[in-house]
């Protein structure tokens, strides 16, 4: 029997990889209409990124490490055009509990 946690973790890693790819190559797709900034404001903006991970599991810790590595790649590959866009990563531990994860997501959404 296939372990559902492994499948869910694989889907989450795939989804986060896709979001990082889209965010890097097509950042306007991830922003809502109200969040679209002018070019001048975007030059010094902070992009808020949230991740709900089960940090008690191996998959959660690996996902956090992968996201951190992706952020490092993002900063090292930016063109020297004077852009000051930074990514503020907010990681919440869902503790392998769906209710805690939903609560953390709502709290983070209200905060930012």
Protein backbone atom coordinates (compact mmCIF):
# COMPACT_ATOMS: atom_id res chain seq x y z
CA UNK A 1 0.00 0.00 0.00
CA UNK A 2 1.31 3.44 -0.92
CA UNK A 3 1.91 5.81 1.96
CA UNK A 4 -0.33 8.86 1.47
CA UNK A 5 2.13 11.15 3.25
CA UNK A 6 4.81 10.41 0.67
CA UNK A 7 2.41 11.19 -2.15
CA UNK A 8 1.26 14.41 -0.50
CA UNK A 9 4.85 15.48 0.18
CA UNK A 10 5.81 14.75 -3.44
CA UNK A 11 2.91 16.84 -4.70
CA UNK A 12 3.83 19.71 -2.35
CA UNK A 13 7.47 19.65 -3.46
CA UNK A 14 6.37 19.60 -7.11
CA UNK A 15 3.97 22.48 -6.51
CA UNK A 16 6.57 24.57 -4.68
CA UNK A 17 9.09 23.92 -7.47
CA UNK A 18 6.53 25.03 -10.05
CA UNK A 19 5.71 28.17 -8.05
CA UNK A 20 9.39 29.06 -7.76
CA UNK A 21 9.83 28.54 -11.52
CA UNK A 22 6.80 30.67 -12.37
CA UNK A 23 7.79 33.27 -9.81
CA UNK A 24 11.23 33.55 -11.33
CA UNK A 25 10.25 33.65 -15.00
CA UNK A 26 6.74 35.15 -14.85
CA UNK A 27 6.40 36.98 -11.50
CA UNK A 28 3.35 38.97 -12.61
CA UNK A 29 1.33 35.73 -12.81
CA UNK A 30 1.66 35.24 -9.05
CA UNK A 31 0.54 38.73 -8.14
CA UNK A 32 -3.10 39.69 -7.84
CA UNK A 33 -4.43 42.79 -9.55
CA UNK A 34 -4.26 44.81 -6.33
CA UNK A 35 -0.66 43.74 -5.70
CA UNK A 36 0.76 44.74 -9.09
CA UNK A 37 3.20 47.54 -8.55
CA UNK A 38 4.67 50.13 -10.84
CA UNK A 39 8.18 49.48 -12.09
CA UNK A 40 9.62 52.05 -9.72
CA UNK A 41 7.91 50.60 -6.63
CA UNK A 42 8.78 47.05 -7.68
CA UNK A 43 12.46 47.98 -7.79
CA UNK A 44 12.54 48.14 -4.00
CA UNK A 45 9.74 45.80 -3.00
CA UNK A 46 9.57 42.93 -0.56
CA UNK A 47 7.82 39.81 -1.83
CA UNK A 48 6.11 37.94 1.02
CA UNK A 49 6.28 34.15 0.58
CA UNK A 50 4.69 31.71 3.01
CA UNK A 51 5.25 27.98 3.36
CA UNK A 52 3.35 25.55 5.58
CA UNK A 53 5.60 22.58 6.26
CA UNK A 54 5.67 19.69 8.68
CA UNK A 55 9.11 20.45 10.10
CA UNK A 56 8.98 17.31 12.23
CA UNK A 57 9.19 15.14 9.11
CA UNK A 58 12.11 14.50 6.81
CA UNK A 59 10.12 15.75 3.82
CA UNK A 60 9.28 19.01 5.56
CA UNK A 61 12.89 19.68 6.50
CA UNK A 62 14.02 18.79 2.96
CA UNK A 63 11.40 21.11 1.49
CA UNK A 64 12.58 23.97 3.70
CA UNK A 65 16.18 23.35 2.65
CA UNK A 66 15.13 23.23 -1.03
CA UNK A 67 13.26 26.52 -0.73
CA UNK A 68 16.27 28.14 0.94
CA UNK A 69 18.54 26.89 -1.85
CA UNK A 70 16.09 28.22 -4.45
CA UNK A 71 16.14 31.62 -2.76
CA UNK A 72 19.93 31.58 -2.88
CA UNK A 73 19.76 30.83 -6.62
CA UNK A 74 17.25 33.66 -7.05
CA UNK A 75 19.56 36.18 -5.41
CA UNK A 76 22.67 34.98 -7.24
CA UNK A 77 21.03 35.01 -10.70
CA UNK A 78 19.50 38.49 -10.58
CA UNK A 79 20.83 40.92 -13.17
CA UNK A 80 22.74 43.88 -11.78
CA UNK A 81 20.05 46.37 -12.87
CA UNK A 82 19.65 47.97 -9.48
CA UNK A 83 16.61 45.91 -8.51
CA UNK A 84 16.22 45.67 -4.75
CA UNK A 85 13.45 43.08 -4.68
CA UNK A 86 13.83 40.82 -1.68
CA UNK A 87 11.93 37.73 -0.67
CA UNK A 88 10.68 37.46 2.90
CA UNK A 89 10.18 33.77 3.62
CA UNK A 90 7.72 32.90 6.38
CA UNK A 91 7.75 29.21 7.35
CA UNK A 92 5.06 27.81 9.63
CA UNK A 93 5.20 24.33 11.14
CA UNK A 94 1.87 22.55 10.61
CA UNK A 95 2.97 19.71 12.94
CA UNK A 96 1.34 17.07 10.68
CA UNK A 97 -2.10 18.45 11.54
CA UNK A 98 -4.46 19.81 8.90
CA UNK A 99 -6.33 22.07 11.34
CA UNK A 100 -3.10 23.63 12.58
CA UNK A 101 -1.99 24.14 8.97
CA UNK A 102 -5.26 25.85 8.03
CA UNK A 103 -5.07 28.06 11.12
CA UNK A 104 -1.45 29.00 10.38
CA UNK A 105 -2.37 29.87 6.78
CA UNK A 106 -5.21 32.14 7.86
CA UNK A 107 -3.07 33.81 10.52
CA UNK A 108 -0.26 34.42 8.03
CA UNK A 109 -2.67 35.75 5.42
CA UNK A 110 -4.16 38.23 7.88
CA UNK A 111 -0.74 39.33 9.08
CA UNK A 112 0.68 40.08 5.63
